[in-house]
Amino acid sequence: MMRTVPMPEVALEGNILTGLTIRRYESFEDCCPSFKQLATPDHDKELKEWGIHLFFKKAVDGSFIIGDAHEYPDVAHFDDLGFNVKQHINELMLKEGERMVNFNLRDMGTTWAGYYPQHPTERIFEYNIEDCIHIRTCIGGKGMTASAGYTEASFKGIFGFLLFSAFCLY
């Protein structure tokens, strides 16, 4: 993930989601019967290999969040990921992004990597150990996008009411 420095002069008040994003999230597959017929063009093959999809979201301060990429080791190889941001992957995203937008993506404020557990068959893993111990995890790369809403729905499902209201800052 990357975030540019603030660019208040760029007049983009919505989000940009690309075709790569549509291919990344299962919800599109669930609601579109022709999804499985989508072919990956040759110029997108390396992007797909790294789980790259692109979106641009303008933050309140005028910076742009640009994302993102996904790697999928099994649990026995999770430590192989390390904690380094892979510049090659960021460069692939920036080059693809420059094809799509006409503002500077190179003046970077920060970069980071997120780590999400993922279950091999379930999209979300829910396990109740006791009436007072509930495990919820494995949103699998959709955590920053979906976690606040999922947390709210899960809390309400477990307890029947909300003690707080979750807001997605992403």
N, C-alpha and C. Protein backbone atom coordinates (compact mmCIF):
# COMPACT_ATOMS: atom_id res chain seq x y z
N MET A 1 0.85 -1.17 0.00
CA MET A 1 0.00 0.00 0.00
C MET A 1 0.90 1.23 0.00
N MET A 2 0.38 2.28 -0.59
CA MET A 2 1.14 3.52 -0.68
C MET A 2 0.21 4.71 -0.42
N ARG A 3 0.81 5.78 0.04
CA ARG A 3 0.05 7.02 0.24
C ARG A 3 0.93 8.17 -0.22
N THR A 4 0.41 8.98 -1.13
CA THR A 4 1.16 10.13 -1.62
C THR A 4 1.18 11.23 -0.57
N VAL A 5 1.96 12.24 -0.84
CA VAL A 5 1.88 13.45 -0.03
C VAL A 5 0.55 14.13 -0.38
N PRO A 6 0.06 15.03 0.45
CA PRO A 6 -1.19 15.73 0.11
C PRO A 6 -1.09 16.49 -1.21
N MET A 7 -2.12 16.36 -2.01
CA MET A 7 -2.22 17.06 -3.30
C MET A 7 -3.62 17.67 -3.41
N PRO A 8 -3.90 18.70 -2.61
CA PRO A 8 -5.24 19.27 -2.61
C PRO A 8 -5.66 19.86 -3.96
N GLU A 9 -4.68 20.13 -4.82
CA GLU A 9 -4.99 20.69 -6.14
C GLU A 9 -5.62 19.67 -7.09
N VAL A 10 -5.52 18.38 -6.76
CA VAL A 10 -6.11 17.34 -7.62
C VAL A 10 -7.59 17.22 -7.27
N ALA A 11 -8.44 17.52 -8.24
CA ALA A 11 -9.89 17.53 -8.02
C ALA A 11 -10.48 16.16 -8.32
N LEU A 12 -10.27 15.24 -7.41
CA LEU A 12 -10.87 13.91 -7.52
C LEU A 12 -11.52 13.62 -6.17
N GLU A 13 -12.82 13.72 -6.12
CA GLU A 13 -13.51 13.59 -4.84
C GLU A 13 -14.10 12.21 -4.62
N GLY A 14 -14.05 11.36 -5.64
CA GLY A 14 -14.53 9.99 -5.48
C GLY A 14 -13.36 9.03 -5.47
N ASN A 15 -13.68 7.77 -5.51
CA ASN A 15 -12.66 6.73 -5.57
C ASN A 15 -12.57 6.20 -7.00
N ILE A 16 -11.42 5.70 -7.37
CA ILE A 16 -11.26 5.02 -8.64
C ILE A 16 -10.97 3.55 -8.34
N LEU A 17 -11.80 2.68 -8.84
CA LEU A 17 -11.55 1.24 -8.78
C LEU A 17 -11.34 0.78 -10.21
N THR A 18 -10.38 -0.09 -10.40
CA THR A 18 -10.05 -0.52 -11.76
C THR A 18 -10.56 -1.92 -12.03
N GLY A 19 -10.44 -2.36 -13.27
CA GLY A 19 -10.81 -3.72 -13.64
C GLY A 19 -10.03 -4.76 -12.88
N LEU A 20 -8.80 -4.42 -12.49
CA LEU A 20 -8.02 -5.33 -11.67
C LEU A 20 -8.69 -5.55 -10.32
N THR A 21 -9.34 -4.53 -9.80
CA THR A 21 -10.05 -4.66 -8.54
C THR A 21 -11.23 -5.60 -8.68
N ILE A 22 -11.96 -5.48 -9.77
CA ILE A 22 -13.11 -6.35 -9.99
C ILE A 22 -12.66 -7.81 -10.01
N ARG A 23 -11.50 -8.08 -10.56
CA ARG A 23 -11.00 -9.45 -10.62
C ARG A 23 -10.49 -9.93 -9.27
N ARG A 24 -10.17 -9.04 -8.37
CA ARG A 24 -9.56 -9.40 -7.08
C ARG A 24 -10.59 -9.86 -6.04
N TYR A 25 -11.76 -9.25 -6.03
CA TYR A 25 -12.71 -9.51 -4.94
C TYR A 25 -13.79 -10.50 -5.34
N GLU A 26 -14.00 -11.49 -4.45
CA GLU A 26 -14.96 -12.56 -4.72
C GLU A 26 -16.38 -12.07 -4.88
N SER A 27 -16.73 -10.96 -4.27
CA SER A 27 -18.11 -10.49 -4.35
C SER A 27 -18.51 -10.23 -5.80
N PHE A 28 -17.56 -9.81 -6.63
CA PHE A 28 -17.88 -9.62 -8.04
C PHE A 28 -18.12 -10.97 -8.71
N GLU A 29 -17.35 -11.97 -8.32
CA GLU A 29 -17.51 -13.31 -8.88
C GLU A 29 -18.88 -13.87 -8.49
N ASP A 30 -19.29 -13.63 -7.26
CA ASP A 30 -20.56 -14.15 -6.77
C ASP A 30 -21.76 -13.56 -7.52
N CYS A 31 -21.68 -12.31 -7.91
CA CYS A 31 -22.84 -11.64 -8.51
C CYS A 31 -22.79 -11.55 -10.02
N CYS A 32 -21.73 -12.06 -10.64
CA CYS A 32 -21.58 -11.94 -12.09
C CYS A 32 -21.28 -13.31 -12.69
N PRO A 33 -22.27 -13.96 -13.29
CA PRO A 33 -22.07 -15.30 -13.83
C PRO A 33 -20.95 -15.40 -14.87
N SER A 34 -20.69 -14.32 -15.60
CA SER A 34 -19.66 -14.36 -16.64
C SER A 34 -18.26 -14.10 -16.10
N PHE A 35 -18.12 -13.91 -14.79
CA PHE A 35 -16.84 -13.59 -14.18
C PHE A 35 -15.75 -14.59 -14.56
N LYS A 36 -16.08 -15.88 -14.51
CA LYS A 36 -15.10 -16.94 -14.80
C LYS A 36 -14.61 -16.89 -16.24
N GLN A 37 -15.31 -16.20 -17.10
CA GLN A 37 -14.92 -16.10 -18.51
C GLN A 37 -13.91 -14.98 -18.77
N LEU A 38 -13.64 -14.16 -17.75
CA LEU A 38 -12.67 -13.07 -17.93
C LEU A 38 -11.28 -13.64 -18.15
N ALA A 39 -10.64 -13.20 -19.18
CA ALA A 39 -9.26 -13.61 -19.47
C ALA A 39 -8.32 -12.50 -19.02
N THR A 40 -7.16 -12.87 -18.54
CA THR A 40 -6.16 -11.88 -18.14
C THR A 40 -5.31 -11.51 -19.33
N PRO A 41 -5.34 -10.24 -19.75
CA PRO A 41 -4.49 -9.83 -20.88
C PRO A 41 -3.01 -10.01 -20.53
N ASP A 42 -2.19 -10.21 -21.53
CA ASP A 42 -0.76 -10.43 -21.30
C ASP A 42 -0.12 -9.33 -20.46
N HIS A 43 -0.50 -8.07 -20.71
CA HIS A 43 0.13 -6.97 -19.97
C HIS A 43 -0.27 -6.94 -18.50
N ASP A 44 -1.28 -7.72 -18.10
CA ASP A 44 -1.70 -7.77 -16.70
C ASP A 44 -1.22 -9.02 -15.96
N LYS A 45 -0.53 -9.91 -16.65
CA LYS A 45 -0.17 -11.21 -16.03
C LYS A 45 0.74 -11.04 -14.81
N GLU A 46 1.74 -10.18 -14.89
CA GLU A 46 2.61 -9.99 -13.72
C GLU A 46 1.85 -9.32 -12.59
N LEU A 47 0.94 -8.41 -12.92
CA LEU A 47 0.12 -7.77 -11.89
C LEU A 47 -0.72 -8.83 -11.18
N LYS A 48 -1.31 -9.73 -11.94
CA LYS A 48 -2.13 -10.80 -11.35
C LYS A 48 -1.27 -11.72 -10.49
N GLU A 49 -0.07 -12.01 -10.95
CA GLU A 49 0.84 -12.90 -10.21
C GLU A 49 1.08 -12.39 -8.79
N TRP A 50 1.18 -11.08 -8.64
CA TRP A 50 1.43 -10.48 -7.33
C TRP A 50 0.13 -10.07 -6.63
N GLY A 51 -1.02 -10.45 -7.18
CA GLY A 51 -2.29 -10.09 -6.56
C GLY A 51 -2.55 -8.60 -6.58
N ILE A 52 -1.98 -7.90 -7.57
CA ILE A 52 -2.11 -6.45 -7.64
C ILE A 52 -3.46 -6.08 -8.23
N HIS A 53 -4.09 -5.15 -7.58
CA HIS A 53 -5.22 -4.45 -8.17
C HIS A 53 -5.04 -2.99 -7.79
N LEU A 54 -5.64 -2.12 -8.53
CA LEU A 54 -5.40 -0.71 -8.27
C LEU A 54 -6.68 0.02 -7.92
N PHE A 55 -6.55 0.81 -6.89
CA PHE A 55 -7.59 1.78 -6.57
C PHE A 55 -6.89 3.04 -6.10
N PHE A 56 -7.59 4.13 -6.21
CA PHE A 56 -7.11 5.43 -5.77
C PHE A 56 -8.19 6.03 -4.90
N LYS A 57 -7.83 6.37 -3.67
CA LYS A 57 -8.79 6.97 -2.75
C LYS A 57 -8.17 8.23 -2.17
N LYS A 58 -8.87 9.33 -2.36
CA LYS A 58 -8.37 10.59 -1.81
C LYS A 58 -8.72 10.66 -0.32
N ALA A 59 -7.71 10.91 0.48
CA ALA A 59 -7.89 11.04 1.92
C ALA A 59 -8.30 12.47 2.27
N VAL A 60 -8.71 12.69 3.48
CA VAL A 60 -9.17 14.00 3.94
C VAL A 60 -8.09 15.06 3.77
N ASP A 61 -6.83 14.69 3.95
CA ASP A 61 -5.74 15.68 3.85
C ASP A 61 -5.31 15.96 2.41
N GLY A 62 -5.97 15.31 1.42
CA GLY A 62 -5.63 15.54 0.02
C GLY A 62 -4.62 14.56 -0.54
N SER A 63 -4.10 13.67 0.31
CA SER A 63 -3.20 12.62 -0.19
C SER A 63 -4.03 11.53 -0.85
N PHE A 64 -3.36 10.66 -1.59
CA PHE A 64 -4.05 9.55 -2.24
C PHE A 64 -3.51 8.23 -1.74
N ILE A 65 -4.42 7.37 -1.33
CA ILE A 65 -4.07 6.01 -0.99
C ILE A 65 -4.12 5.22 -2.29
N ILE A 66 -3.05 4.49 -2.56
CA ILE A 66 -2.94 3.70 -3.78
C ILE A 66 -2.69 2.25 -3.36
N GLY A 67 -3.44 1.38 -3.91
CA GLY A 67 -3.21 -0.01 -3.53
C GLY A 67 -3.69 -0.96 -4.58
N ASP A 68 -3.50 -2.13 -4.30
CA ASP A 68 -2.56 -2.77 -3.42
C ASP A 68 -2.20 -4.11 -3.99
N ALA A 69 -1.41 -4.91 -3.30
CA ALA A 69 -0.93 -6.20 -3.79
C ALA A 69 -1.16 -7.26 -2.72
N HIS A 70 -1.16 -8.51 -3.12
CA HIS A 70 -1.41 -9.61 -2.19
C HIS A 70 -0.50 -10.79 -2.51
N GLU A 71 0.07 -11.36 -1.46
CA GLU A 71 0.82 -12.60 -1.57
C GLU A 71 0.13 -13.62 -0.67
N TYR A 72 0.16 -14.89 -1.06
CA TYR A 72 -0.64 -15.90 -0.37
C TYR A 72 0.17 -17.13 0.02
N PRO A 73 1.02 -17.04 1.02
CA PRO A 73 1.70 -18.26 1.47
C PRO A 73 0.77 -19.08 2.36
N ASP A 74 0.99 -20.40 2.42
CA ASP A 74 0.22 -21.17 3.38
C ASP A 74 0.80 -20.90 4.77
N VAL A 75 0.11 -21.37 5.78
CA VAL A 75 0.49 -21.02 7.16
C VAL A 75 1.90 -21.50 7.50
N ALA A 76 2.36 -22.59 6.89
CA ALA A 76 3.70 -23.10 7.17
C ALA A 76 4.79 -22.20 6.60
N HIS A 77 4.45 -21.32 5.66
CA HIS A 77 5.44 -20.46 5.01
C HIS A 77 5.16 -18.96 5.22
N PHE A 78 4.31 -18.64 6.16
CA PHE A 78 3.95 -17.24 6.40
C PHE A 78 5.17 -16.40 6.75
N ASP A 79 6.10 -16.97 7.52
CA ASP A 79 7.30 -16.20 7.91
C ASP A 79 8.19 -15.86 6.72
N ASP A 80 8.02 -16.55 5.60
CA ASP A 80 8.81 -16.25 4.41
C ASP A 80 8.49 -14.88 3.83
N LEU A 81 7.34 -14.33 4.16
CA LEU A 81 6.97 -13.02 3.65
C LEU A 81 7.92 -11.94 4.15
N GLY A 82 8.38 -12.06 5.37
CA GLY A 82 9.21 -11.02 5.95
C GLY A 82 8.38 -9.77 6.22
N PHE A 83 9.03 -8.70 6.60
CA PHE A 83 8.34 -7.46 6.91
C PHE A 83 8.77 -6.31 6.02
N ASN A 84 9.45 -6.62 4.93
CA ASN A 84 9.92 -5.59 4.03
C ASN A 84 8.87 -5.27 2.99
N VAL A 85 8.76 -4.01 2.64
CA VAL A 85 7.92 -3.59 1.52
C VAL A 85 8.72 -3.88 0.25
N LYS A 86 8.12 -4.58 -0.68
CA LYS A 86 8.81 -4.95 -1.92
C LYS A 86 8.67 -3.83 -2.94
N GLN A 87 9.76 -3.13 -3.20
CA GLN A 87 9.72 -1.99 -4.10
C GLN A 87 9.34 -2.39 -5.52
N HIS A 88 9.73 -3.60 -5.96
CA HIS A 88 9.35 -4.06 -7.30
C HIS A 88 7.83 -4.09 -7.46
N ILE A 89 7.16 -4.55 -6.44
CA ILE A 89 5.69 -4.61 -6.48
C ILE A 89 5.11 -3.20 -6.51
N ASN A 90 5.63 -2.32 -5.67
CA ASN A 90 5.16 -0.93 -5.68
C ASN A 90 5.39 -0.28 -7.03
N GLU A 91 6.54 -0.57 -7.64
CA GLU A 91 6.84 0.00 -8.95
C GLU A 91 5.86 -0.50 -10.01
N LEU A 92 5.49 -1.77 -9.96
CA LEU A 92 4.48 -2.29 -10.90
C LEU A 92 3.17 -1.52 -10.74
N MET A 93 2.77 -1.28 -9.49
CA MET A 93 1.53 -0.54 -9.25
C MET A 93 1.63 0.89 -9.75
N LEU A 94 2.76 1.54 -9.48
CA LEU A 94 2.92 2.93 -9.91
C LEU A 94 2.89 3.04 -11.44
N LYS A 95 3.58 2.15 -12.13
CA LYS A 95 3.59 2.19 -13.60
C LYS A 95 2.18 1.98 -14.16
N GLU A 96 1.44 1.03 -13.59
CA GLU A 96 0.06 0.80 -14.05
C GLU A 96 -0.81 2.01 -13.71
N GLY A 97 -0.61 2.57 -12.53
CA GLY A 97 -1.38 3.74 -12.12
C GLY A 97 -1.14 4.94 -13.01
N GLU A 98 0.09 5.12 -13.45
CA GLU A 98 0.41 6.25 -14.32
C GLU A 98 -0.27 6.12 -15.68
N ARG A 99 -0.64 4.92 -16.07
CA ARG A 99 -1.42 4.74 -17.31
C ARG A 99 -2.85 5.24 -17.13
N MET A 100 -3.32 5.33 -15.88
CA MET A 100 -4.73 5.58 -15.61
C MET A 100 -5.05 6.99 -15.14
N VAL A 101 -4.14 7.63 -14.44
CA VAL A 101 -4.43 8.95 -13.89
C VAL A 101 -3.40 9.95 -14.40
N ASN A 102 -3.76 11.21 -14.37
CA ASN A 102 -2.87 12.24 -14.89
C ASN A 102 -2.35 13.15 -13.78
N PHE A 103 -2.17 12.61 -12.59
CA PHE A 103 -1.52 13.36 -11.53
C PHE A 103 -0.34 12.56 -10.99
N ASN A 104 0.55 13.25 -10.30
CA ASN A 104 1.82 12.67 -9.85
C ASN A 104 1.59 11.61 -8.77
N LEU A 105 2.01 10.39 -9.05
CA LEU A 105 1.93 9.31 -8.06
C LEU A 105 3.26 9.08 -7.35
N ARG A 106 4.31 9.73 -7.81
CA ARG A 106 5.67 9.42 -7.35
C ARG A 106 6.09 10.15 -6.08
N ASP A 107 5.37 11.18 -5.70
CA ASP A 107 5.74 11.93 -4.50
C ASP A 107 5.09 11.24 -3.30
N MET A 108 5.79 10.23 -2.80
CA MET A 108 5.23 9.31 -1.82
C MET A 108 5.41 9.82 -0.39
N GLY A 109 4.35 9.75 0.36
CA GLY A 109 4.41 10.10 1.77
C GLY A 109 4.80 8.91 2.61
N THR A 110 4.21 7.74 2.31
CA THR A 110 4.51 6.54 3.09
C THR A 110 4.09 5.29 2.32
N THR A 111 4.67 4.18 2.70
CA THR A 111 4.26 2.87 2.18
C THR A 111 4.16 1.92 3.36
N TRP A 112 3.39 0.89 3.21
CA TRP A 112 3.26 -0.10 4.28
C TRP A 112 2.77 -1.41 3.72
N ALA A 113 2.87 -2.43 4.54
CA ALA A 113 2.36 -3.76 4.19
C ALA A 113 1.39 -4.19 5.28
N GLY A 114 0.30 -4.77 4.87
CA GLY A 114 -0.67 -5.32 5.81
C GLY A 114 -0.61 -6.84 5.76
N TYR A 115 -0.84 -7.47 6.88
CA TYR A 115 -0.79 -8.93 6.96
C TYR A 115 -2.13 -9.43 7.47
N TYR A 116 -2.72 -10.35 6.72
CA TYR A 116 -4.03 -10.88 7.05
C TYR A 116 -4.00 -12.40 6.98
N PRO A 117 -4.47 -13.06 8.01
CA PRO A 117 -4.59 -14.51 7.89
C PRO A 117 -5.71 -14.85 6.92
N GLN A 118 -5.61 -15.98 6.31
CA GLN A 118 -6.63 -16.39 5.35
C GLN A 118 -6.84 -17.89 5.48
N HIS A 119 -8.08 -18.29 5.56
CA HIS A 119 -8.45 -19.70 5.66
C HIS A 119 -8.44 -20.31 4.27
N PRO A 120 -8.03 -21.58 4.14
CA PRO A 120 -7.95 -22.17 2.80
C PRO A 120 -9.30 -22.36 2.09
N THR A 121 -10.41 -22.44 2.84
CA THR A 121 -11.70 -22.65 2.18
C THR A 121 -12.79 -21.66 2.59
N GLU A 122 -12.67 -21.04 3.74
CA GLU A 122 -13.69 -20.12 4.22
C GLU A 122 -13.25 -18.69 4.01
N ARG A 123 -14.18 -17.85 3.60
CA ARG A 123 -13.84 -16.43 3.41
C ARG A 123 -13.63 -15.72 4.73
N ILE A 124 -14.44 -16.07 5.71
CA ILE A 124 -14.30 -15.53 7.06
C ILE A 124 -14.36 -16.70 8.03
N PHE A 125 -13.40 -16.80 8.93
CA PHE A 125 -13.35 -17.87 9.91
C PHE A 125 -13.99 -17.37 11.19
N GLU A 126 -15.02 -18.06 11.63
CA GLU A 126 -15.73 -17.70 12.87
C GLU A 126 -15.73 -18.92 13.78
N TYR A 127 -15.25 -18.75 14.99
CA TYR A 127 -15.19 -19.87 15.93
C TYR A 127 -15.51 -19.35 17.32
N ASN A 128 -16.46 -19.99 17.98
CA ASN A 128 -16.84 -19.62 19.33
C ASN A 128 -16.29 -20.67 20.29
N ILE A 129 -15.36 -20.27 21.13
CA ILE A 129 -14.77 -21.20 22.09
C ILE A 129 -15.74 -21.41 23.24
N GLU A 130 -16.27 -20.33 23.75
CA GLU A 130 -17.28 -20.35 24.80
C GLU A 130 -18.25 -19.21 24.52
N ASP A 131 -19.23 -19.05 25.39
CA ASP A 131 -20.19 -17.96 25.20
C ASP A 131 -19.53 -16.58 25.27
N CYS A 132 -18.35 -16.52 25.90
CA CYS A 132 -17.69 -15.22 26.06
C CYS A 132 -16.38 -15.11 25.27
N ILE A 133 -16.03 -16.12 24.46
CA ILE A 133 -14.80 -16.06 23.67
C ILE A 133 -15.16 -16.37 22.22
N HIS A 134 -14.99 -15.37 21.37
CA HIS A 134 -15.37 -15.48 19.96
C HIS A 134 -14.17 -15.09 19.09
N ILE A 135 -13.81 -15.96 18.17
CA ILE A 135 -12.70 -15.67 17.26
C ILE A 135 -13.29 -15.37 15.89
N ARG A 136 -12.88 -14.24 15.33
CA ARG A 136 -13.30 -13.84 13.99
C ARG A 136 -12.06 -13.35 13.26
N THR A 137 -11.73 -14.00 12.17
CA THR A 137 -10.55 -13.59 11.40
C THR A 137 -10.65 -14.10 9.97
N CYS A 138 -9.63 -13.85 9.20
CA CYS A 138 -9.50 -14.36 7.83
C CYS A 138 -10.34 -13.62 6.82
N ILE A 139 -10.41 -12.33 6.95
CA ILE A 139 -11.05 -11.55 5.90
C ILE A 139 -10.15 -11.58 4.68
N GLY A 140 -8.91 -12.01 4.83
CA GLY A 140 -8.02 -12.35 3.74
C GLY A 140 -7.72 -11.26 2.73
N GLY A 141 -7.17 -10.14 3.17
CA GLY A 141 -6.80 -9.10 2.23
C GLY A 141 -7.87 -8.06 2.02
N LYS A 142 -8.99 -8.20 2.70
CA LYS A 142 -10.06 -7.21 2.60
C LYS A 142 -10.29 -6.54 3.94
N GLY A 143 -9.34 -6.69 4.83
CA GLY A 143 -9.51 -6.20 6.19
C GLY A 143 -9.71 -4.70 6.30
N MET A 144 -8.89 -3.92 5.61
CA MET A 144 -9.03 -2.47 5.72
C MET A 144 -10.30 -1.99 5.04
N THR A 145 -10.78 -2.75 4.09
CA THR A 145 -11.98 -2.35 3.37
C THR A 145 -13.23 -2.79 4.12
N ALA A 146 -13.22 -3.99 4.67
CA ALA A 146 -14.45 -4.58 5.18
C ALA A 146 -14.50 -4.77 6.69
N SER A 147 -13.38 -4.64 7.39
CA SER A 147 -13.36 -5.03 8.79
C SER A 147 -14.28 -4.22 9.69
N ALA A 148 -14.39 -2.94 9.48
CA ALA A 148 -15.24 -2.14 10.37
C ALA A 148 -16.70 -2.55 10.25
N GLY A 149 -17.20 -2.72 9.05
CA GLY A 149 -18.58 -3.15 8.85
C GLY A 149 -18.80 -4.57 9.33
N TYR A 150 -17.83 -5.45 9.06
CA TYR A 150 -17.96 -6.83 9.52
C TYR A 150 -17.94 -6.89 11.05
N THR A 151 -17.06 -6.12 11.68
CA THR A 151 -17.00 -6.08 13.14
C THR A 151 -18.33 -5.66 13.72
N GLU A 152 -18.91 -4.63 13.16
CA GLU A 152 -20.21 -4.14 13.64
C GLU A 152 -21.28 -5.22 13.52
N ALA A 153 -21.36 -5.87 12.34
CA ALA A 153 -22.37 -6.91 12.12
C ALA A 153 -22.12 -8.12 13.02
N SER A 154 -20.85 -8.50 13.18
CA SER A 154 -20.52 -9.64 14.02
C SER A 154 -20.85 -9.37 15.48
N PHE A 155 -20.48 -8.19 15.95
CA PHE A 155 -20.77 -7.82 17.34
C PHE A 155 -22.27 -7.84 17.60
N LYS A 156 -23.02 -7.30 16.67
CA LYS A 156 -24.48 -7.28 16.81
C LYS A 156 -25.04 -8.71 16.77
N GLY A 157 -24.46 -9.58 15.92
CA GLY A 157 -24.90 -10.96 15.85
C GLY A 157 -24.61 -11.75 17.12
N ILE A 158 -23.48 -11.48 17.74
CA ILE A 158 -23.10 -12.18 18.96
C ILE A 158 -23.89 -11.67 20.16
N PHE A 159 -23.97 -10.36 20.31
CA PHE A 159 -24.54 -9.77 21.52
C PHE A 159 -25.94 -9.21 21.33
N GLY A 160 -26.37 -9.06 20.09
CA GLY A 160 -27.73 -8.57 19.84
C GLY A 160 -27.87 -7.06 19.89
N PHE A 161 -26.78 -6.35 20.14
CA PHE A 161 -26.82 -4.88 20.20
C PHE A 161 -25.42 -4.36 19.95
N LEU A 162 -25.29 -3.08 19.79
CA LEU A 162 -23.99 -2.45 19.57
C LEU A 162 -23.62 -1.57 20.75
N LEU A 163 -22.37 -1.66 21.16
CA LEU A 163 -21.85 -0.74 22.18
C LEU A 163 -21.18 0.46 21.54
N PHE A 164 -20.86 0.32 20.27
CA PHE A 164 -20.14 1.37 19.55
C PHE A 164 -20.57 1.31 18.10
N SER A 165 -20.19 2.31 17.36
CA SER A 165 -20.43 2.32 15.92
C SER A 165 -19.08 2.29 15.22
N ALA A 166 -18.90 1.34 14.31
CA ALA A 166 -17.62 1.21 13.60
C ALA A 166 -17.63 2.08 12.36
N PHE A 167 -16.53 2.76 12.12
CA PHE A 167 -16.37 3.58 10.92
C PHE A 167 -15.13 3.11 10.19
N CYS A 168 -15.22 2.98 8.90
CA CYS A 168 -14.08 2.60 8.09
C CYS A 168 -13.29 3.85 7.71
N LEU A 169 -12.04 3.93 8.14
CA LEU A 169 -11.21 5.09 7.87
C LEU A 169 -10.48 4.98 6.55
N TYR A 170 -10.62 3.90 5.87
CA TYR A 170 -9.85 3.58 4.67
C TYR A 170 -10.45 4.20 3.50
